[in-house]
């Protein structure tokens, strides 16, 4: 609660300064690990991924922070190789490859276009490495695109285009629920990265004004270079500021939605996507619980 108040009322420049200081400290720690040759191997990562509960043939959506894992020998490539080895040939990996570093509304006001082949991901170095791999499918969405590779990759990504809201039943996020997929928070938190929490908003009659009044018309450039237009809503920044996602974690633990674990040095969580959605729907309908009102009404 104290942390939430600090984040809410601290000036933006102070928050950015604190974030930069933390990144610099972590960079120095990783440099020391590299000097000591105490890097984390692919074998260590595979072992940790199996311990947390990832299995062969799983579909896994990964929200990742490379620096939190520690100094990884081979960097992003090693992490992705370890994930593929863990899920095997029958598994499908998914990564968010969102183009906005900040709020989607600000991003679209400044960049009212999306190029499926060339618009980079701002979701970390692992996602950008994954995006450029051969055989990767990317959902054709201007703010919440997802890249996937594996037997179900095309299925997860092929109906995102043309949807007015990004988390409905045609999105990769809802499809992950339908297929019994998992969400790996690899060094990330619910507050910072768990976008599947938004699936609740399109699954019920949601009373919070989560979407901004403005509807954007975005130029979309497909893999063949053809241009089309797509209309999309974005989240309301004022409503987004009220989120307290981490406050939902105790209930998720109680209901068996997620488990904690360590991947390298990264505090991580593995989430059952479908169970999380069902628990969110039940709690919202019965008590009004959601990330905007985590203690109900």
Protein backbone atom coordinates (compact mmCIF):
# COMPACT_ATOMS: atom_id res chain seq x y z
CA UNK A 1 0.00 0.00 0.00
CA UNK A 2 2.83 2.43 0.89
CA UNK A 3 4.60 1.62 -2.37
CA UNK A 4 1.40 2.31 -4.32
CA UNK A 5 1.01 5.72 -2.67
CA UNK A 6 4.62 6.61 -3.45
CA UNK A 7 4.19 5.63 -7.09
CA UNK A 8 0.93 7.56 -7.33
CA UNK A 9 2.03 10.85 -5.80
CA UNK A 10 5.75 11.11 -6.60
CA UNK A 11 6.69 13.51 -9.43
CA UNK A 12 7.35 11.81 -12.76
CA UNK A 13 10.97 13.03 -12.91
CA UNK A 14 11.67 11.53 -9.48
CA UNK A 15 10.27 8.16 -10.50
CA UNK A 16 12.36 8.19 -13.68
CA UNK A 17 15.48 9.10 -11.68
CA UNK A 18 14.87 6.23 -9.24
CA UNK A 19 14.29 3.81 -12.12
CA UNK A 20 17.51 4.87 -13.85
CA UNK A 21 19.48 4.53 -10.60
CA UNK A 22 18.14 1.02 -10.05
CA UNK A 23 19.01 0.01 -13.61
CA UNK A 24 22.55 1.34 -13.22
CA UNK A 25 23.07 -0.58 -9.99
CA UNK A 26 21.82 -3.78 -11.62
CA UNK A 27 24.10 -3.22 -14.62
CA UNK A 28 27.11 -3.04 -12.33
CA UNK A 29 26.07 -6.26 -10.57
CA UNK A 30 25.79 -8.07 -13.90
CA UNK A 31 29.20 -6.78 -14.98
CA UNK A 32 30.71 -8.17 -11.78
CA UNK A 33 29.08 -11.55 -12.42
CA UNK A 34 30.53 -11.56 -15.92
CA UNK A 35 34.00 -10.75 -14.60
CA UNK A 36 33.75 -13.60 -12.08
CA UNK A 37 32.52 -15.90 -14.86
CA UNK A 38 29.57 -16.84 -12.68
CA UNK A 39 27.03 -16.72 -15.49
CA UNK A 40 23.79 -18.69 -15.64
CA UNK A 41 23.79 -21.51 -18.19
CA UNK A 42 21.02 -22.84 -20.40
CA UNK A 43 21.04 -26.06 -18.39
CA UNK A 44 20.38 -24.12 -15.18
CA UNK A 45 17.51 -22.27 -16.84
CA UNK A 46 15.92 -25.48 -18.16
CA UNK A 47 16.10 -27.00 -14.69
CA UNK A 48 14.50 -23.93 -13.12
CA UNK A 49 11.78 -23.75 -15.77
CA UNK A 50 10.88 -27.37 -15.13
CA UNK A 51 10.85 -26.83 -11.37
CA UNK A 52 8.37 -23.98 -11.62
CA UNK A 53 6.02 -26.19 -13.63
CA UNK A 54 6.59 -25.72 -17.36
CA UNK A 55 6.16 -29.00 -19.23
CA UNK A 56 6.47 -30.51 -22.68
CA UNK A 57 3.81 -29.35 -25.16
CA UNK A 58 2.83 -26.32 -23.02
CA UNK A 59 1.77 -23.02 -24.54
CA UNK A 60 3.49 -20.30 -22.52
CA UNK A 61 3.19 -16.52 -22.72
CA UNK A 62 6.37 -15.04 -21.24
CA UNK A 63 6.77 -11.60 -19.67
CA UNK A 64 10.49 -11.23 -19.14
CA UNK A 65 13.31 -9.18 -17.66
CA UNK A 66 16.73 -10.39 -18.78
CA UNK A 67 18.61 -8.35 -16.17
CA UNK A 68 16.60 -9.85 -13.30
CA UNK A 69 17.72 -13.37 -14.26
CA UNK A 70 21.37 -12.49 -13.67
CA UNK A 71 24.25 -12.62 -16.11
CA UNK A 72 23.11 -15.23 -18.65
CA UNK A 73 25.75 -16.82 -20.85
CA UNK A 74 24.61 -15.98 -24.38
CA UNK A 75 21.98 -13.49 -23.25
CA UNK A 76 18.48 -13.47 -24.74
CA UNK A 77 19.26 -16.32 -27.14
CA UNK A 78 20.09 -18.66 -24.26
CA UNK A 79 16.85 -17.82 -22.45
CA UNK A 80 14.76 -18.49 -25.55
CA UNK A 81 16.67 -21.71 -26.32
CA UNK A 82 16.03 -22.90 -22.76
CA UNK A 83 12.32 -22.18 -23.09
CA UNK A 84 12.08 -24.06 -26.38
CA UNK A 85 13.97 -27.02 -24.92
CA UNK A 86 11.58 -27.11 -21.97
CA UNK A 87 8.33 -27.07 -23.96
CA UNK A 88 9.70 -29.26 -26.76
CA UNK A 89 8.59 -29.50 -30.38
CA UNK A 90 4.93 -29.72 -29.35
CA UNK A 91 5.00 -26.53 -27.31
CA UNK A 92 4.33 -22.95 -28.37
CA UNK A 93 6.06 -19.87 -26.97
CA UNK A 94 4.45 -16.44 -26.99
CA UNK A 95 5.94 -13.06 -26.14
CA UNK A 96 4.28 -9.64 -25.95
CA UNK A 97 5.86 -7.38 -28.57
CA UNK A 98 4.08 -4.13 -27.79
CA UNK A 99 5.50 -1.08 -29.61
CA UNK A 100 4.82 1.46 -26.84
CA UNK A 101 7.39 2.09 -24.12
CA UNK A 102 4.79 4.05 -22.13
CA UNK A 103 1.05 4.62 -22.45
CA UNK A 104 -0.62 3.33 -25.62
CA UNK A 105 -2.62 6.53 -26.01
CA UNK A 106 0.53 8.65 -26.10
CA UNK A 107 2.21 6.19 -28.46
CA UNK A 108 -0.62 6.25 -31.01
CA UNK A 109 -0.90 10.02 -30.85
CA UNK A 110 2.77 10.19 -31.80
CA UNK A 111 2.96 7.08 -34.03
CA UNK A 112 -0.42 6.41 -35.71
CA UNK A 113 0.87 3.41 -37.66
CA UNK A 114 2.04 -0.17 -37.16
CA UNK A 115 4.36 -2.17 -39.42
CA UNK A 116 4.08 -5.87 -38.56
CA UNK A 117 7.58 -6.67 -39.85
CA UNK A 118 9.52 -3.61 -38.78
CA UNK A 119 7.90 -2.06 -35.71
CA UNK A 120 10.17 -3.15 -32.82
CA UNK A 121 9.06 -4.48 -29.47
CA UNK A 122 9.54 -2.30 -26.42
CA UNK A 123 8.98 -5.19 -24.01
CA UNK A 124 12.63 -6.01 -23.39
CA UNK A 125 15.59 -7.52 -25.20
CA UNK A 126 14.31 -11.11 -25.04
CA UNK A 127 11.09 -10.16 -26.85
CA UNK A 128 12.93 -8.28 -29.58
CA UNK A 129 15.31 -11.22 -30.13
CA UNK A 130 12.32 -13.58 -30.33
CA UNK A 131 10.44 -11.28 -32.74
CA UNK A 132 13.25 -11.56 -35.30
CA UNK A 133 13.48 -15.37 -35.29
CA UNK A 134 12.56 -17.33 -38.41
CA UNK A 135 9.13 -18.91 -38.30
CA UNK A 136 7.63 -16.46 -35.81
CA UNK A 137 4.04 -15.30 -36.28
CA UNK A 138 3.06 -11.82 -35.05
CA UNK A 139 -0.49 -10.71 -34.35
CA UNK A 140 -1.49 -7.74 -36.51
CA UNK A 141 -2.43 -5.31 -33.76
CA UNK A 142 -1.18 -1.72 -33.33
CA UNK A 143 -0.74 -1.66 -29.53
CA UNK A 144 -0.89 -5.20 -28.09
CA UNK A 145 0.76 -7.42 -30.66
CA UNK A 146 2.03 -10.85 -29.67
CA UNK A 147 4.70 -12.98 -31.34
CA UNK A 148 4.45 -16.75 -31.23
CA UNK A 149 6.38 -19.76 -32.50
CA UNK A 150 5.34 -23.39 -32.35
CA UNK A 151 2.49 -25.61 -33.59
CA UNK A 152 -0.23 -23.22 -32.32
CA UNK A 153 1.51 -19.96 -33.25
CA UNK A 154 -0.72 -19.10 -36.21
CA UNK A 155 -3.85 -19.99 -34.24
CA UNK A 156 -2.94 -17.63 -31.41
CA UNK A 157 -2.11 -14.69 -33.65
CA UNK A 158 -4.41 -14.84 -36.68
CA UNK A 159 -7.59 -13.07 -35.46
CA UNK A 160 -6.22 -10.07 -33.55
CA UNK A 161 -6.53 -7.70 -36.51
CA UNK A 162 -9.65 -5.54 -36.69
CA UNK A 163 -10.66 -5.96 -33.06
CA UNK A 164 -11.81 -2.72 -31.44
CA UNK A 165 -10.51 -3.88 -28.05
CA UNK A 166 -7.28 -5.89 -27.67
CA UNK A 167 -8.22 -8.52 -25.06
CA UNK A 168 -11.47 -10.04 -26.33
CA UNK A 169 -12.13 -13.63 -27.39
CA UNK A 170 -10.26 -13.14 -30.69
CA UNK A 171 -7.03 -12.07 -28.99
CA UNK A 172 -3.99 -14.25 -28.26
CA UNK A 173 -4.59 -13.61 -24.56
CA UNK A 174 -8.08 -15.15 -24.48
CA UNK A 175 -7.08 -17.94 -26.84
CA UNK A 176 -4.33 -18.85 -24.39
CA UNK A 177 -7.03 -19.38 -21.77
CA UNK A 178 -9.06 -21.58 -24.12
CA UNK A 179 -6.05 -23.81 -24.82
CA UNK A 180 -5.10 -24.25 -21.16
CA UNK A 181 -1.96 -22.17 -21.60
CA UNK A 182 0.34 -20.72 -18.98
CA UNK A 183 1.81 -17.31 -18.26
CA UNK A 184 5.39 -17.06 -17.04
CA UNK A 185 6.27 -13.89 -15.15
CA UNK A 186 10.04 -14.19 -15.59
CA UNK A 187 11.45 -11.59 -13.21
CA UNK A 188 8.32 -9.48 -13.64
CA UNK A 189 5.35 -8.66 -11.42
CA UNK A 190 1.59 -8.56 -11.85
CA UNK A 191 1.74 -4.78 -11.53
CA UNK A 192 4.44 -4.39 -14.10
CA UNK A 193 3.51 -6.86 -16.80
CA UNK A 194 0.57 -9.26 -16.41
CA UNK A 195 -1.56 -8.03 -19.30
CA UNK A 196 -3.86 -11.07 -19.14
CA UNK A 197 -5.56 -9.33 -16.24
CA UNK A 198 -7.23 -7.24 -18.96
CA UNK A 199 -9.11 -10.29 -20.29
CA UNK A 200 -11.65 -9.71 -17.50
CA UNK A 201 -12.61 -6.34 -18.97
CA UNK A 202 -13.85 -7.85 -22.24
CA UNK A 203 -15.35 -10.96 -20.62
CA UNK A 204 -17.96 -9.28 -18.36
CA UNK A 205 -20.12 -6.17 -18.24
CA UNK A 206 -17.25 -4.13 -16.82
CA UNK A 207 -18.33 -0.93 -15.11
CA UNK A 208 -14.96 0.82 -14.76
CA UNK A 209 -14.18 3.28 -17.61
CA UNK A 210 -11.05 1.45 -18.68
CA UNK A 211 -11.15 2.52 -22.32
CA UNK A 212 -10.47 6.07 -23.40
CA UNK A 213 -13.24 7.94 -25.19
CA UNK A 214 -11.09 8.51 -28.25
CA UNK A 215 -11.05 5.82 -30.92
CA UNK A 216 -7.91 5.75 -33.06
CA UNK A 217 -7.69 5.10 -36.80
CA UNK A 218 -4.31 3.50 -37.36
CA UNK A 219 -2.41 2.80 -40.59
CA UNK A 220 -1.47 -0.89 -40.64
CA UNK A 221 1.30 -2.28 -42.85
CA UNK A 222 1.19 -6.05 -43.34
CA UNK A 223 4.02 -8.48 -44.10
CA UNK A 224 3.73 -7.82 -47.85
CA UNK A 225 3.88 -4.05 -47.38
CA UNK A 226 0.18 -3.49 -48.05
CA UNK A 227 -1.51 -0.67 -46.14
CA UNK A 228 -4.92 -0.86 -44.47
CA UNK A 229 -6.64 1.10 -41.71
CA UNK A 230 -7.78 -0.27 -38.36
CA UNK A 231 -9.83 1.28 -35.58
CA UNK A 232 -8.84 0.57 -31.98
CA UNK A 233 -9.51 1.69 -28.46
CA UNK A 234 -6.78 2.25 -25.88
CA UNK A 235 -6.84 2.23 -22.10
CA UNK A 236 -7.77 5.41 -20.30
CA UNK A 237 -4.59 6.70 -18.59
CA UNK A 238 -6.55 8.14 -15.65
CA UNK A 239 -8.23 4.81 -14.96
CA UNK A 240 -4.97 2.93 -15.55
CA UNK A 241 -3.33 4.95 -12.77
CA UNK A 242 -5.74 3.31 -10.31
CA UNK A 243 -4.50 -0.23 -10.97
CA UNK A 244 -3.16 -2.27 -8.07
CA UNK A 245 -2.52 -5.63 -9.69
CA UNK A 246 -0.13 -7.01 -7.06
CA UNK A 247 -2.91 -6.79 -4.45
CA UNK A 248 -4.67 -9.61 -6.33
CA UNK A 249 -1.82 -12.06 -5.77
CA UNK A 250 -2.86 -13.40 -2.32
CA UNK A 251 -6.23 -14.48 -3.70
CA UNK A 252 -4.58 -16.02 -6.76
CA UNK A 253 -2.25 -18.01 -4.50
CA UNK A 254 -5.18 -19.14 -2.37
CA UNK A 255 -7.14 -20.29 -5.43
CA UNK A 256 -4.18 -22.12 -6.98
CA UNK A 257 -3.99 -19.72 -9.92
CA UNK A 258 -0.24 -19.18 -9.64
CA UNK A 259 2.91 -20.55 -8.07
CA UNK A 260 6.10 -18.74 -7.13
CA UNK A 261 9.57 -19.86 -8.15
CA UNK A 262 13.06 -18.76 -9.10
CA UNK A 263 14.47 -18.70 -12.64
CA UNK A 264 18.14 -17.99 -12.23
CA UNK A 265 18.15 -15.04 -9.83
CA UNK A 266 14.73 -13.82 -10.93
CA UNK A 267 11.69 -14.06 -8.69
CA UNK A 268 9.13 -15.55 -11.03
CA UNK A 269 5.53 -16.77 -11.17
CA UNK A 270 3.77 -19.36 -13.31
CA UNK A 271 0.08 -18.65 -13.88
CA UNK A 272 -2.72 -20.87 -15.17
CA UNK A 273 -4.29 -18.48 -17.69
CA UNK A 274 -7.75 -20.05 -17.81
CA UNK A 275 -8.00 -20.51 -14.05
CA UNK A 276 -7.00 -16.89 -13.52
CA UNK A 277 -9.73 -15.66 -15.87
CA UNK A 278 -12.38 -17.83 -14.21
CA UNK A 279 -11.36 -16.68 -10.72
CA UNK A 280 -11.38 -13.04 -11.86
CA UNK A 281 -14.87 -13.39 -13.38
CA UNK A 282 -16.23 -15.05 -10.23
CA UNK A 283 -14.67 -12.50 -7.88
CA UNK A 284 -15.81 -9.58 -10.01
CA UNK A 285 -19.39 -10.79 -10.34
CA UNK A 286 -19.67 -11.62 -6.64
CA UNK A 287 -17.64 -8.86 -4.98
CA UNK A 288 -16.60 -6.36 -7.62
CA UNK A 289 -12.94 -7.35 -7.30
CA UNK A 290 -10.58 -6.36 -10.11
CA UNK A 291 -7.21 -4.62 -10.44
CA UNK A 292 -8.94 -1.24 -10.14
CA UNK A 293 -10.71 -2.36 -6.95
CA UNK A 294 -8.62 -5.27 -5.58
CA UNK A 295 -10.43 -5.32 -2.23
CA UNK A 296 -13.91 -5.25 -3.72
CA UNK A 297 -16.66 -2.74 -3.22
